[in-house]
Amino acid sequence: MIRSTRPSPALKIALSLACLALAWLLQAAPSLGAESAVHFQKESIQEYEKQLAGAQIAEATFNKKVRSLHLTLKDGRHVLVKYGKGEEPKLAATLRAKGVPVTILAPAAAAKEAKKPVKHKLRYIAGGILVVVVVVVGAVLLIDRRRKRAAE
């Protein structure tokens, strides 16, 4: 008896499902990790003072919750400066004295910027899908091998 070299339909279905699951995970990955379009470069207080003295700051936004100061410079760069506890009124006063518009984030907007603990829920889901696909493919191959042995 001549054996067929074509894969079984069950194997084709299992591989198709595995490819679909992988394509879905790859498609969902960039949208899950998407962040805001603006990237802030971290700087020290000394650099901030140099920029303030050089009149390079166009706009300033305070986030009291995480004690950070977002600066937009006149050359278009975005800078993030961390300040200590109780320094916000002094920094805001010096910025206003130099004629820089100052904004203070509302508590709801400030809370969004605060780092949340990383949840690995999606990793567990992807791992579970991968385990299921491996088990299904293994089962299909085992059943197919036993069926072919019985046909001999």
N, C-alpha and C. Protein backbone atom coordinates (compact mmCIF):
# COMPACT_ATOMS: atom_id res chain seq x y z
N MET A 1 0.84 -1.18 0.00
CA MET A 1 0.00 0.00 0.00
C MET A 1 0.88 1.25 0.00
N ILE A 2 0.51 2.21 -0.79
CA ILE A 2 1.27 3.45 -0.90
C ILE A 2 0.65 4.48 0.03
N ARG A 3 1.51 5.07 0.85
CA ARG A 3 1.02 6.09 1.79
C ARG A 3 0.88 7.44 1.09
N SER A 4 -0.07 8.21 1.57
CA SER A 4 -0.27 9.56 1.06
C SER A 4 0.73 10.50 1.76
N THR A 5 1.28 11.44 1.01
CA THR A 5 2.21 12.40 1.60
C THR A 5 1.52 13.70 1.96
N ARG A 6 0.23 13.75 1.80
CA ARG A 6 -0.53 14.95 2.14
C ARG A 6 -0.82 14.97 3.64
N PRO A 7 -0.77 16.15 4.26
CA PRO A 7 -1.10 16.22 5.68
C PRO A 7 -2.60 16.01 5.91
N SER A 8 -2.91 15.51 7.08
CA SER A 8 -4.31 15.24 7.39
C SER A 8 -5.09 16.54 7.57
N PRO A 9 -6.41 16.52 7.36
CA PRO A 9 -7.22 17.74 7.55
C PRO A 9 -7.15 18.26 8.98
N ALA A 10 -7.07 17.37 9.95
CA ALA A 10 -7.00 17.82 11.34
C ALA A 10 -5.70 18.61 11.59
N LEU A 11 -4.61 18.15 11.00
CA LEU A 11 -3.35 18.86 11.14
C LEU A 11 -3.42 20.23 10.48
N LYS A 12 -4.05 20.30 9.32
CA LYS A 12 -4.22 21.58 8.63
C LYS A 12 -5.03 22.55 9.48
N ILE A 13 -6.09 22.06 10.10
CA ILE A 13 -6.93 22.91 10.94
C ILE A 13 -6.16 23.41 12.16
N ALA A 14 -5.41 22.51 12.79
CA ALA A 14 -4.64 22.90 13.98
C ALA A 14 -3.59 23.95 13.64
N LEU A 15 -2.89 23.75 12.53
CA LEU A 15 -1.88 24.73 12.13
C LEU A 15 -2.51 26.05 11.73
N SER A 16 -3.68 26.01 11.10
CA SER A 16 -4.38 27.25 10.75
C SER A 16 -4.78 28.02 12.00
N LEU A 17 -5.30 27.31 13.00
CA LEU A 17 -5.67 27.97 14.25
C LEU A 17 -4.44 28.57 14.95
N ALA A 18 -3.34 27.85 14.92
CA ALA A 18 -2.11 28.37 15.53
C ALA A 18 -1.64 29.64 14.82
N CYS A 19 -1.71 29.64 13.50
CA CYS A 19 -1.31 30.83 12.74
C CYS A 19 -2.25 32.00 13.01
N LEU A 20 -3.55 31.74 13.11
CA LEU A 20 -4.50 32.81 13.40
C LEU A 20 -4.26 33.39 14.79
N ALA A 21 -3.99 32.54 15.78
CA ALA A 21 -3.72 33.02 17.12
C ALA A 21 -2.45 33.86 17.15
N LEU A 22 -1.42 33.43 16.46
CA LEU A 22 -0.17 34.18 16.40
C LEU A 22 -0.38 35.52 15.69
N ALA A 23 -1.13 35.53 14.60
CA ALA A 23 -1.40 36.78 13.88
C ALA A 23 -2.19 37.74 14.77
N TRP A 24 -3.14 37.23 15.53
CA TRP A 24 -3.92 38.09 16.42
C TRP A 24 -3.04 38.70 17.49
N LEU A 25 -2.15 37.89 18.08
CA LEU A 25 -1.25 38.41 19.11
C LEU A 25 -0.29 39.45 18.55
N LEU A 26 0.22 39.22 17.35
CA LEU A 26 1.13 40.19 16.75
C LEU A 26 0.43 41.49 16.40
N GLN A 27 -0.82 41.40 15.99
CA GLN A 27 -1.58 42.59 15.63
C GLN A 27 -1.94 43.39 16.88
N ALA A 28 -2.25 42.71 17.97
CA ALA A 28 -2.67 43.39 19.19
C ALA A 28 -1.50 43.96 19.98
N ALA A 29 -0.30 43.45 19.79
CA ALA A 29 0.85 43.88 20.59
C ALA A 29 1.18 45.37 20.47
N PRO A 30 1.26 45.96 19.27
CA PRO A 30 1.60 47.39 19.22
C PRO A 30 0.55 48.29 19.86
N SER A 31 -0.71 47.95 19.72
CA SER A 31 -1.75 48.80 20.29
C SER A 31 -1.80 48.70 21.80
N LEU A 32 -1.36 47.58 22.37
CA LEU A 32 -1.37 47.43 23.82
C LEU A 32 -0.27 48.25 24.47
N GLY A 33 0.84 48.40 23.81
CA GLY A 33 1.95 49.14 24.39
C GLY A 33 2.04 50.57 23.93
N ALA A 34 1.02 51.07 23.24
CA ALA A 34 1.08 52.43 22.71
C ALA A 34 1.05 53.45 23.84
N GLU A 35 1.90 54.44 23.73
CA GLU A 35 1.95 55.50 24.71
C GLU A 35 1.68 56.82 24.01
N SER A 36 1.77 57.90 24.78
CA SER A 36 1.52 59.21 24.21
C SER A 36 2.57 59.54 23.16
N ALA A 37 2.22 60.44 22.25
CA ALA A 37 3.10 60.79 21.15
C ALA A 37 4.28 61.63 21.62
N VAL A 38 4.13 62.37 22.71
CA VAL A 38 5.18 63.26 23.19
C VAL A 38 6.11 62.47 24.10
N HIS A 39 7.41 62.56 23.82
CA HIS A 39 8.41 61.89 24.65
C HIS A 39 9.19 62.96 25.40
N PHE A 40 9.20 62.86 26.71
CA PHE A 40 9.88 63.82 27.56
C PHE A 40 11.26 63.30 27.94
N GLN A 41 12.27 64.14 27.74
CA GLN A 41 13.63 63.79 28.11
C GLN A 41 13.87 64.25 29.55
N LYS A 42 14.39 63.37 30.39
CA LYS A 42 14.60 63.71 31.80
C LYS A 42 15.83 64.61 31.94
N GLU A 43 15.68 65.62 32.79
CA GLU A 43 16.78 66.55 33.06
C GLU A 43 16.83 66.88 34.55
N SER A 44 17.93 67.46 34.96
CA SER A 44 18.12 67.81 36.37
C SER A 44 17.63 69.24 36.62
N ILE A 45 17.57 69.60 37.88
CA ILE A 45 17.17 70.95 38.28
C ILE A 45 18.20 71.97 37.77
N GLN A 46 19.48 71.61 37.77
CA GLN A 46 20.52 72.53 37.30
C GLN A 46 20.32 72.87 35.82
N GLU A 47 19.99 71.86 35.02
CA GLU A 47 19.74 72.11 33.59
C GLU A 47 18.50 72.99 33.42
N TYR A 48 17.49 72.74 34.25
CA TYR A 48 16.27 73.56 34.20
C TYR A 48 16.61 75.02 34.51
N GLU A 49 17.45 75.24 35.51
CA GLU A 49 17.81 76.62 35.88
C GLU A 49 18.60 77.31 34.77
N LYS A 50 19.45 76.55 34.06
CA LYS A 50 20.18 77.12 32.92
C LYS A 50 19.20 77.52 31.81
N GLN A 51 18.22 76.65 31.55
CA GLN A 51 17.24 76.95 30.50
C GLN A 51 16.37 78.14 30.90
N LEU A 52 16.03 78.24 32.16
CA LEU A 52 15.23 79.36 32.64
C LEU A 52 16.03 80.66 32.52
N ALA A 53 17.29 80.64 32.88
CA ALA A 53 18.14 81.83 32.78
C ALA A 53 18.36 82.23 31.33
N GLY A 54 18.41 81.25 30.43
CA GLY A 54 18.61 81.53 29.00
C GLY A 54 17.33 81.81 28.25
N ALA A 55 16.19 81.89 28.95
CA ALA A 55 14.87 82.16 28.35
C ALA A 55 14.56 81.16 27.24
N GLN A 56 14.82 79.88 27.48
CA GLN A 56 14.56 78.83 26.50
C GLN A 56 13.22 78.14 26.73
N ILE A 57 12.53 78.41 27.83
CA ILE A 57 11.30 77.69 28.19
C ILE A 57 10.10 78.42 27.59
N ALA A 58 9.28 77.69 26.86
CA ALA A 58 8.08 78.27 26.24
C ALA A 58 6.84 78.03 27.10
N GLU A 59 6.78 76.87 27.76
CA GLU A 59 5.59 76.51 28.53
C GLU A 59 5.97 75.53 29.62
N ALA A 60 5.25 75.57 30.75
CA ALA A 60 5.52 74.66 31.87
C ALA A 60 4.22 74.11 32.41
N THR A 61 4.24 72.81 32.73
CA THR A 61 3.07 72.15 33.31
C THR A 61 3.52 71.36 34.53
N PHE A 62 2.88 71.61 35.66
CA PHE A 62 3.20 70.93 36.91
C PHE A 62 2.26 69.75 37.13
N ASN A 63 2.82 68.65 37.62
CA ASN A 63 2.04 67.51 38.08
C ASN A 63 2.38 67.34 39.55
N LYS A 64 1.48 67.81 40.41
CA LYS A 64 1.75 67.79 41.84
C LYS A 64 1.77 66.37 42.41
N LYS A 65 1.02 65.47 41.80
CA LYS A 65 0.92 64.11 42.34
C LYS A 65 2.27 63.38 42.30
N VAL A 66 3.00 63.52 41.20
CA VAL A 66 4.28 62.84 41.07
C VAL A 66 5.46 63.81 41.19
N ARG A 67 5.17 65.07 41.50
CA ARG A 67 6.17 66.12 41.66
C ARG A 67 7.09 66.20 40.45
N SER A 68 6.47 66.44 39.28
CA SER A 68 7.25 66.59 38.06
C SER A 68 6.82 67.86 37.34
N LEU A 69 7.72 68.37 36.53
CA LEU A 69 7.50 69.59 35.78
C LEU A 69 7.78 69.28 34.31
N HIS A 70 6.74 69.39 33.48
CA HIS A 70 6.90 69.19 32.04
C HIS A 70 7.19 70.53 31.41
N LEU A 71 8.29 70.61 30.71
CA LEU A 71 8.67 71.85 30.06
C LEU A 71 8.65 71.67 28.56
N THR A 72 8.12 72.65 27.85
CA THR A 72 8.22 72.70 26.41
C THR A 72 9.18 73.83 26.10
N LEU A 73 10.27 73.50 25.44
CA LEU A 73 11.28 74.50 25.14
C LEU A 73 10.94 75.19 23.82
N LYS A 74 11.55 76.34 23.60
CA LYS A 74 11.27 77.12 22.40
C LYS A 74 11.78 76.44 21.14
N ASP A 75 12.74 75.52 21.28
CA ASP A 75 13.23 74.79 20.10
C ASP A 75 12.39 73.54 19.80
N GLY A 76 11.32 73.32 20.58
CA GLY A 76 10.40 72.21 20.31
C GLY A 76 10.63 70.97 21.15
N ARG A 77 11.70 70.93 21.90
CA ARG A 77 11.96 69.75 22.73
C ARG A 77 11.05 69.75 23.94
N HIS A 78 10.84 68.55 24.48
CA HIS A 78 10.04 68.38 25.70
C HIS A 78 10.94 67.81 26.78
N VAL A 79 10.89 68.41 27.96
CA VAL A 79 11.79 68.05 29.04
C VAL A 79 10.97 67.75 30.29
N LEU A 80 11.41 66.78 31.07
CA LEU A 80 10.78 66.41 32.32
C LEU A 80 11.76 66.65 33.46
N VAL A 81 11.34 67.45 34.45
CA VAL A 81 12.18 67.77 35.60
C VAL A 81 11.45 67.31 36.85
N LYS A 82 12.12 66.52 37.68
CA LYS A 82 11.56 66.10 38.97
C LYS A 82 12.02 67.09 40.04
N TYR A 83 11.11 67.50 40.90
CA TYR A 83 11.47 68.43 41.96
C TYR A 83 11.08 67.84 43.31
N GLY A 84 11.64 68.40 44.36
CA GLY A 84 11.42 67.89 45.71
C GLY A 84 10.11 68.37 46.31
N LYS A 85 9.82 67.83 47.48
CA LYS A 85 8.59 68.16 48.18
C LYS A 85 8.60 69.63 48.61
N GLY A 86 7.53 70.33 48.30
CA GLY A 86 7.38 71.73 48.71
C GLY A 86 8.06 72.74 47.80
N GLU A 87 8.67 72.31 46.69
CA GLU A 87 9.36 73.23 45.80
C GLU A 87 8.45 73.81 44.72
N GLU A 88 7.26 73.27 44.55
CA GLU A 88 6.37 73.70 43.46
C GLU A 88 6.03 75.19 43.51
N PRO A 89 5.65 75.77 44.65
CA PRO A 89 5.31 77.20 44.65
C PRO A 89 6.49 78.09 44.24
N LYS A 90 7.68 77.74 44.70
CA LYS A 90 8.87 78.53 44.37
C LYS A 90 9.17 78.44 42.87
N LEU A 91 9.11 77.22 42.30
CA LEU A 91 9.38 77.05 40.88
C LEU A 91 8.34 77.76 40.03
N ALA A 92 7.07 77.66 40.43
CA ALA A 92 6.00 78.31 39.67
C ALA A 92 6.17 79.83 39.71
N ALA A 93 6.56 80.37 40.85
CA ALA A 93 6.74 81.82 40.97
C ALA A 93 7.89 82.30 40.08
N THR A 94 8.98 81.55 40.04
CA THR A 94 10.11 81.97 39.19
C THR A 94 9.76 81.87 37.71
N LEU A 95 8.99 80.85 37.34
CA LEU A 95 8.56 80.72 35.94
C LEU A 95 7.64 81.88 35.55
N ARG A 96 6.68 82.19 36.41
CA ARG A 96 5.75 83.29 36.11
C ARG A 96 6.49 84.63 36.04
N ALA A 97 7.51 84.80 36.89
CA ALA A 97 8.29 86.03 36.88
C ALA A 97 9.04 86.20 35.56
N LYS A 98 9.42 85.09 34.94
CA LYS A 98 10.12 85.14 33.65
C LYS A 98 9.14 85.23 32.47
N GLY A 99 7.82 85.20 32.77
CA GLY A 99 6.81 85.31 31.70
C GLY A 99 6.46 84.00 31.02
N VAL A 100 6.73 82.90 31.67
CA VAL A 100 6.42 81.58 31.11
C VAL A 100 5.03 81.18 31.56
N PRO A 101 4.14 80.78 30.63
CA PRO A 101 2.81 80.32 31.04
C PRO A 101 2.92 79.01 31.83
N VAL A 102 2.28 78.99 32.99
CA VAL A 102 2.34 77.84 33.89
C VAL A 102 0.96 77.22 34.00
N THR A 103 0.91 75.89 33.88
CA THR A 103 -0.33 75.13 34.02
C THR A 103 -0.12 74.09 35.11
N ILE A 104 -1.16 73.88 35.91
CA ILE A 104 -1.11 72.83 36.93
C ILE A 104 -2.17 71.80 36.58
N LEU A 105 -1.73 70.56 36.44
CA LEU A 105 -2.66 69.49 36.04
C LEU A 105 -3.74 69.27 37.10
N ALA A 106 -4.94 68.99 36.62
CA ALA A 106 -6.04 68.63 37.53
C ALA A 106 -5.72 67.27 38.16
N PRO A 107 -6.29 66.99 39.32
CA PRO A 107 -5.99 65.71 39.98
C PRO A 107 -6.29 64.48 39.12
N ALA A 108 -7.35 64.53 38.32
CA ALA A 108 -7.68 63.37 37.48
C ALA A 108 -6.61 63.15 36.41
N ALA A 109 -6.17 64.24 35.78
CA ALA A 109 -5.14 64.12 34.75
C ALA A 109 -3.80 63.75 35.36
N ALA A 110 -3.53 64.26 36.56
CA ALA A 110 -2.26 63.95 37.23
C ALA A 110 -2.21 62.48 37.63
N ALA A 111 -3.34 61.92 38.00
CA ALA A 111 -3.38 60.51 38.40
C ALA A 111 -3.10 59.59 37.22
N LYS A 112 -3.46 60.02 36.01
CA LYS A 112 -3.20 59.19 34.83
C LYS A 112 -1.70 59.03 34.59
N GLU A 113 -0.94 60.06 34.93
CA GLU A 113 0.50 60.02 34.69
C GLU A 113 1.23 59.18 35.73
N ALA A 114 0.63 59.04 36.91
CA ALA A 114 1.27 58.25 37.97
C ALA A 114 1.41 56.81 37.48
N LYS A 115 2.58 56.22 37.71
CA LYS A 115 2.82 54.87 37.23
C LYS A 115 1.95 53.88 37.98
N LYS A 116 1.33 53.01 37.22
CA LYS A 116 0.52 51.95 37.80
C LYS A 116 1.35 50.67 37.79
N PRO A 117 1.10 49.77 38.71
CA PRO A 117 1.84 48.52 38.68
C PRO A 117 1.53 47.75 37.39
N VAL A 118 2.56 47.14 36.83
CA VAL A 118 2.42 46.44 35.56
C VAL A 118 1.65 45.15 35.79
N LYS A 119 0.61 44.97 35.02
CA LYS A 119 -0.17 43.73 35.08
C LYS A 119 0.27 42.85 33.92
N HIS A 120 0.50 41.61 34.21
CA HIS A 120 0.97 40.69 33.19
C HIS A 120 -0.17 39.80 32.67
N LYS A 121 -1.38 40.29 32.75
CA LYS A 121 -2.55 39.51 32.35
C LYS A 121 -2.44 39.06 30.90
N LEU A 122 -2.05 39.96 30.01
CA LEU A 122 -1.97 39.61 28.59
C LEU A 122 -0.89 38.57 28.32
N ARG A 123 0.18 38.61 29.07
CA ARG A 123 1.22 37.59 28.90
C ARG A 123 0.70 36.22 29.29
N TYR A 124 -0.07 36.16 30.37
CA TYR A 124 -0.64 34.88 30.78
C TYR A 124 -1.64 34.36 29.75
N ILE A 125 -2.43 35.25 29.18
CA ILE A 125 -3.39 34.84 28.15
C ILE A 125 -2.64 34.30 26.93
N ALA A 126 -1.61 35.02 26.48
CA ALA A 126 -0.84 34.58 25.32
C ALA A 126 -0.16 33.25 25.61
N GLY A 127 0.39 33.09 26.81
CA GLY A 127 1.01 31.82 27.17
C GLY A 127 0.02 30.68 27.20
N GLY A 128 -1.18 30.95 27.72
CA GLY A 128 -2.23 29.93 27.74
C GLY A 128 -2.64 29.50 26.34
N ILE A 129 -2.78 30.47 25.46
CA ILE A 129 -3.14 30.16 24.07
C ILE A 129 -2.04 29.32 23.43
N LEU A 130 -0.79 29.69 23.68
CA LEU A 130 0.32 28.94 23.11
C LEU A 130 0.34 27.50 23.62
N VAL A 131 0.10 27.31 24.91
CA VAL A 131 0.08 25.96 25.48
C VAL A 131 -1.05 25.14 24.86
N VAL A 132 -2.23 25.75 24.72
CA VAL A 132 -3.36 25.04 24.12
C VAL A 132 -3.05 24.63 22.68
N VAL A 133 -2.45 25.54 21.92
CA VAL A 133 -2.11 25.24 20.52
C VAL A 133 -1.10 24.10 20.46
N VAL A 134 -0.09 24.12 21.33
CA VAL A 134 0.91 23.05 21.32
C VAL A 134 0.26 21.71 21.69
N VAL A 135 -0.62 21.71 22.67
CA VAL A 135 -1.29 20.47 23.07
C VAL A 135 -2.17 19.95 21.94
N VAL A 136 -2.92 20.85 21.28
CA VAL A 136 -3.80 20.42 20.17
C VAL A 136 -2.97 19.85 19.02
N VAL A 137 -1.90 20.52 18.64
CA VAL A 137 -1.06 20.03 17.54
C VAL A 137 -0.44 18.68 17.93
N GLY A 138 0.04 18.56 19.17
CA GLY A 138 0.60 17.28 19.62
C GLY A 138 -0.43 16.17 19.59
N ALA A 139 -1.64 16.47 20.04
CA ALA A 139 -2.71 15.46 20.02
C ALA A 139 -3.05 15.05 18.59
N VAL A 140 -3.14 16.01 17.69
CA VAL A 140 -3.46 15.70 16.30
C VAL A 140 -2.37 14.84 15.69
N LEU A 141 -1.11 15.17 15.93
CA LEU A 141 -0.02 14.36 15.39
C LEU A 141 -0.02 12.96 15.97
N LEU A 142 -0.29 12.82 17.26
CA LEU A 142 -0.34 11.51 17.90
C LEU A 142 -1.48 10.66 17.34
N ILE A 143 -2.64 11.25 17.22
CA ILE A 143 -3.80 10.52 16.68
C ILE A 143 -3.54 10.13 15.23
N ASP A 144 -2.95 11.03 14.46
CA ASP A 144 -2.66 10.75 13.06
C ASP A 144 -1.65 9.62 12.94
N ARG A 145 -0.63 9.61 13.80
CA ARG A 145 0.38 8.55 13.76
C ARG A 145 -0.25 7.20 14.11
N ARG A 146 -1.10 7.17 15.13
CA ARG A 146 -1.77 5.91 15.52
C ARG A 146 -2.70 5.41 14.42
N ARG A 147 -3.39 6.34 13.76
CA ARG A 147 -4.31 5.97 12.69
C ARG A 147 -3.53 5.37 11.52
N LYS A 148 -2.39 5.95 11.20
CA LYS A 148 -1.58 5.43 10.10
C LYS A 148 -0.98 4.06 10.43
N ARG A 149 -0.57 3.86 11.70
CA ARG A 149 -0.06 2.54 12.10
C ARG A 149 -1.14 1.48 12.01
N ALA A 150 -2.36 1.86 12.40
CA ALA A 150 -3.47 0.89 12.36
C ALA A 150 -3.84 0.57 10.92
N ALA A 151 -3.65 1.50 9.99
CA ALA A 151 -3.98 1.26 8.59
C ALA A 151 -2.97 0.36 7.91
N GLU A 152 -1.77 0.25 8.47
CA GLU A 152 -0.73 -0.60 7.86
C GLU A 152 -1.02 -2.02 8.05
